[in-house]
C-alpha atoms as a PDB file:
ATOM      1  CA  MET A   1     -62.012 107.372 153.000  1.00  0.00           C
ATOM      2  CA  ARG A   2     -61.473 107.024 149.275  1.00  0.00           C
ATOM      3  CA  ASP A   3     -61.478 109.994 146.955  1.00  0.00           C
ATOM      4  CA  LYS A   4     -64.433 109.591 144.590  1.00  0.00           C
ATOM      5  CA  GLU A   5     -65.398 111.777 141.669  1.00  0.00           C
ATOM      6  CA  ASN A   6     -68.615 111.645 139.662  1.00  0.00           C
ATOM      7  CA  MET A   7     -67.889 111.871 135.959  1.00  0.00           C
ATOM      8  CA  SER A   8     -69.929 113.788 133.404  1.00  0.00           C
ATOM      9  CA  GLY A   9     -69.673 116.953 131.367  1.00  0.00           C
ATOM     10  CA  ASP A  10     -70.541 119.159 134.310  1.00  0.00           C
ATOM     11  CA  GLY A  11     -69.536 116.815 137.146  1.00  0.00           C
ATOM     12  CA  VAL A  12     -73.162 116.271 138.226  1.00  0.00           C
ATOM     13  CA  PHE A  13     -75.204 113.089 138.202  1.00  0.00           C
ATOM     14  CA  GLY A  14     -78.949 112.819 138.382  1.00  0.00           C
ATOM     15  CA  GLN A  15     -80.895 109.779 139.545  1.00  0.00           C
ATOM     16  CA  ASN A  16     -80.967 108.353 136.018  1.00  0.00           C
ATOM     17  CA  GLY A  17     -77.359 108.974 135.011  1.00  0.00           C
ATOM     18  CA  PRO A  18     -75.007 111.795 134.144  1.00  0.00           C
ATOM     19  CA  ALA A  19     -76.247 115.221 133.226  1.00  0.00           C
ATOM     20  CA  GLY A  20     -74.970 116.819 130.041  1.00  0.00           C
ATOM     21  CA  ASN A  21     -73.993 113.602 128.214  1.00  0.00           C
ATOM     22  CA  ALA A  22     -73.953 115.275 124.799  1.00  0.00           C
ATOM     23  CA  LYS A  23     -71.357 117.921 125.666  1.00  0.00           C
ATOM     24  CA  ALA A  24     -68.079 117.584 123.805  1.00  0.00           C
ATOM     25  CA  SER A  25     -64.498 118.192 124.851  1.00  0.00           C
ATOM     26  CA  PRO A  26     -61.483 118.670 122.584  1.00  0.00           C
ATOM     27  CA  ALA A  27     -59.565 115.642 121.346  1.00  0.00           C
ATOM     28  CA  PRO A  28     -55.793 115.564 121.569  1.00  0.00           C
ATOM     29  CA  SER A  29     -55.271 115.448 117.813  1.00  0.00           C
ATOM     30  CA  ALA A  30     -56.724 116.769 114.575  1.00  0.00           C
ATOM     31  CA  GLY A  31     -59.086 119.175 116.353  1.00  0.00           C
ATOM     32  CA  LEU A  32     -61.834 116.525 116.622  1.00  0.00           C
ATOM     33  CA  LYS A  33     -64.575 116.767 119.232  1.00  0.00           C
ATOM     34  CA  ARG A  34     -65.072 114.010 121.801  1.00  0.00           C
ATOM     35  CA  LEU A  35     -68.225 113.211 123.723  1.00  0.00           C
ATOM     36  CA  ASP A  36     -67.875 113.465 127.494  1.00  0.00           C
ATOM     37  CA  ASP A  37     -69.670 110.125 127.846  1.00  0.00           C
ATOM     38  CA  GLY A  38     -67.667 108.456 125.063  1.00  0.00           C
ATOM     39  CA  VAL A  39     -65.103 105.672 125.295  1.00  0.00           C
ATOM     40  CA  TYR A  40     -62.521 105.761 122.501  1.00  0.00           C
ATOM     41  CA  GLN A  41     -60.017 103.353 120.979  1.00  0.00           C
ATOM     42  CA  ASP A  42     -57.700 104.496 118.171  1.00  0.00           C
ATOM     43  CA  CYS A  43     -59.522 107.865 118.098  1.00  0.00           C
ATOM     44  CA  GLN A  44     -62.820 106.093 117.303  1.00  0.00           C
ATOM     45  CA  LEU A  45     -65.937 106.186 119.488  1.00  0.00           C
ATOM     46  CA  VAL A  46     -66.477 102.572 120.619  1.00  0.00           C
ATOM     47  CA  ALA A  47     -68.951 102.926 123.519  1.00  0.00           C
ATOM     48  CA  ARG A  48     -71.078 105.384 125.486  1.00  0.00           C
ATOM     49  CA  THR A  49     -71.326 105.462 129.296  1.00  0.00           C
ATOM     50  CA  LEU A  50     -73.931 105.803 132.021  1.00  0.00           C
ATOM     51  CA  GLU A  51     -73.325 106.300 135.746  1.00  0.00           C
ATOM     52  CA  ALA A  52     -69.541 106.626 135.738  1.00  0.00           C
ATOM     53  CA  GLU A  53     -67.754 107.093 139.057  1.00  0.00           C
ATOM     54  CA  ALA A  54     -64.006 107.481 139.488  1.00  0.00           C
ATOM     55  CA  ASP A  55     -62.212 106.145 142.557  1.00  0.00           C
ATOM     56  CA  LEU A  56     -58.911 107.988 142.242  1.00  0.00           C
ATOM     57  CA  ASP A  57     -57.350 106.376 145.334  1.00  0.00           C
ATOM     58  CA  GLY A  58     -58.217 102.931 144.003  1.00  0.00           C
ATOM     59  CA  ARG A  59     -57.158 103.969 140.467  1.00  0.00           C
ATOM     60  CA  GLU A  60     -60.364 102.714 138.908  1.00  0.00           C
ATOM     61  CA  ILE A  61     -63.539 103.914 137.232  1.00  0.00           C
ATOM     62  CA  ARG A  62     -66.824 102.089 137.714  1.00  0.00           C
ATOM     63  CA  PHE A  63     -69.440 102.346 134.981  1.00  0.00           C
ATOM     64  CA  GLY A  64     -73.051 101.422 135.641  1.00  0.00           C
ATOM     65  CA  GLU A  65     -73.422 100.722 131.937  1.00  0.00           C
ATOM     66  CA  LEU A  66     -71.541 100.866 128.650  1.00  0.00           C
ATOM     67  CA  TYR A  67     -73.848 100.822 125.628  1.00  0.00           C
ATOM     68  CA  GLU A  68     -73.402 100.854 121.859  1.00  0.00           C
ATOM     69  CA  SER A  69     -70.220  98.927 122.652  1.00  0.00           C
ATOM     70  CA  ASP A  70     -70.078  96.486 119.704  1.00  0.00           C
ATOM     71  CA  ARG A  71     -66.733  97.916 118.515  1.00  0.00           C
ATOM     72  CA  LEU A  72     -65.148  98.003 121.989  1.00  0.00           C
ATOM     73  CA  LEU A  73     -62.215  95.559 122.277  1.00  0.00           C
ATOM     74  CA  LEU A  74     -62.148  94.633 125.953  1.00  0.00           C
ATOM     75  CA  ALA A  75     -58.491  93.553 125.972  1.00  0.00           C
ATOM     76  CA  ASP A  76     -57.222  96.879 124.574  1.00  0.00           C
ATOM     77  CA  GLU A  77     -56.582 100.208 126.293  1.00  0.00           C
ATOM     78  CA  CYS A  78     -59.355 102.814 126.006  1.00  0.00           C
ATOM     79  CA  GLU A  79     -59.615 106.545 126.529  1.00  0.00           C
ATOM     80  CA  TYR A  80     -62.370 108.030 128.659  1.00  0.00           C
ATOM     81  CA  GLN A  81     -62.379 111.766 129.331  1.00  0.00           C
ATOM     82  CA  LYS A  82     -58.913 112.574 130.727  1.00  0.00           C
ATOM     83  CA  TYR A  83     -57.917 108.956 131.456  1.00  0.00           C
ATOM     84  CA  THR A  84     -56.376 106.012 129.652  1.00  0.00           C
ATOM     85  CA  ILE A  85     -58.117 102.944 131.061  1.00  0.00           C
ATOM     86  CA  LEU A  86     -58.192  99.161 130.747  1.00  0.00           C
ATOM     87  CA  ILE A  87     -61.420  97.276 131.427  1.00  0.00           C
ATOM     88  CA  GLN A  88     -60.860  94.675 134.137  1.00  0.00           C
ATOM     89  CA  LYS A  89     -64.353  93.365 134.940  1.00  0.00           C
ATOM     90  CA  VAL A  90     -67.780  93.138 133.320  1.00  0.00           C
ATOM     91  CA  ALA A  91     -70.585  91.868 135.569  1.00  0.00           C
ATOM     92  CA  PHE A  92     -73.164  91.379 132.803  1.00  0.00           C
ATOM     93  CA  ALA A  93     -73.193  91.595 129.003  1.00  0.00           C
ATOM     94  CA  SER A  94     -76.141  91.389 126.626  1.00  0.00           C
ATOM     95  CA  ARG A  95     -77.330  92.365 123.194  1.00  0.00           C
ATOM     96  CA  SER A  96     -80.176  94.895 123.272  1.00  0.00           C
ATOM     97  CA  ASP A  97     -83.399  94.008 121.553  1.00  0.00           C
ATOM     98  CA  ARG A  98     -84.567  96.038 118.582  1.00  0.00           C
ATOM     99  CA  SER A  99     -87.076  98.060 120.590  1.00  0.00           C
ATOM    100  CA  ALA A 100     -84.520  99.139 123.237  1.00  0.00           C
ATOM    101  CA  LEU A 101     -83.511 102.772 123.584  1.00  0.00           C
ATOM    102  CA  HIS A 102     -79.804 101.958 123.155  1.00  0.00           C
ATOM    103  CA  LYS A 103     -78.783  99.617 120.343  1.00  0.00           C
ATOM    104  CA  GLY A 104     -75.927  97.123 120.270  1.00  0.00           C
ATOM    105  CA  ARG A 105     -74.020  95.344 123.031  1.00  0.00           C
ATOM    106  CA  VAL A 106     -74.676  96.547 126.572  1.00  0.00           C
ATOM    107  CA  LEU A 107     -72.166  95.949 129.376  1.00  0.00           C
ATOM    108  CA  ARG A 108     -73.216  96.487 133.007  1.00  0.00           C
ATOM    109  CA  GLY A 109     -71.203  96.641 136.207  1.00  0.00           C
ATOM    110  CA  VAL A 110     -67.970  97.540 134.406  1.00  0.00           C
ATOM    111  CA  VAL A 111     -64.782  98.237 136.345  1.00  0.00           C
ATOM    112  CA  ALA A 112     -61.802  99.782 134.546  1.00  0.00           C
ATOM    113  CA  GLU A 113     -58.299 100.374 135.854  1.00  0.00           C
ATOM    114  CA  ILE A 114     -56.925 103.910 135.390  1.00  0.00           C
ATOM    115  CA  LEU A 115     -53.550 103.402 133.720  1.00  0.00           C
ATOM    116  CA  ARG A 116     -52.569 107.054 133.354  1.00  0.00           C
ATOM    117  CA  TYR A 117     -53.811 110.513 132.547  1.00  0.00           C
ATOM    118  CA  ARG A 118     -54.372 111.066 128.850  1.00  0.00           C
ATOM    119  CA  GLU A 119     -52.341 113.790 127.140  1.00  0.00           C
ATOM    120  CA  GLN A 120     -54.640 116.678 126.263  1.00  0.00           C
END
C-alpha cells in the first residue's frame, strides 16, 4: 500500500478542501512568510492549492485544483511546502469568469513529481 499524506497547514482536510489554508510557514530566505497552500517560483507566489495529497512512495503530489495560477510557468520547477516539484500533468485548465470566487487561471487534476525536499 502506498504511503499517502494529506497536505495542509494542520495536516487535516475537510470535505471542501484543506483546513487552515491561510496559515504561513517560514521561507528559506529573507525571513519572508509563505502560505501553506501556496506554490512558489523564484520566491514569488504563483498559485494557490486545493485538495493536495502527497504520494510519497510514488514521489508525486496530486492537487484537486490550482487557482490564481496565471503566473505559474508549467515547465519550471516549483516549491510547495517542503518539496521542490515539477508539474507533469494537468487534466483541465480554464479561465475563471469574473463572478467566480477565485480569479485567474484554474488548473484541475494536477499531478506534480516530487524532485527533492526543499531546504528549510
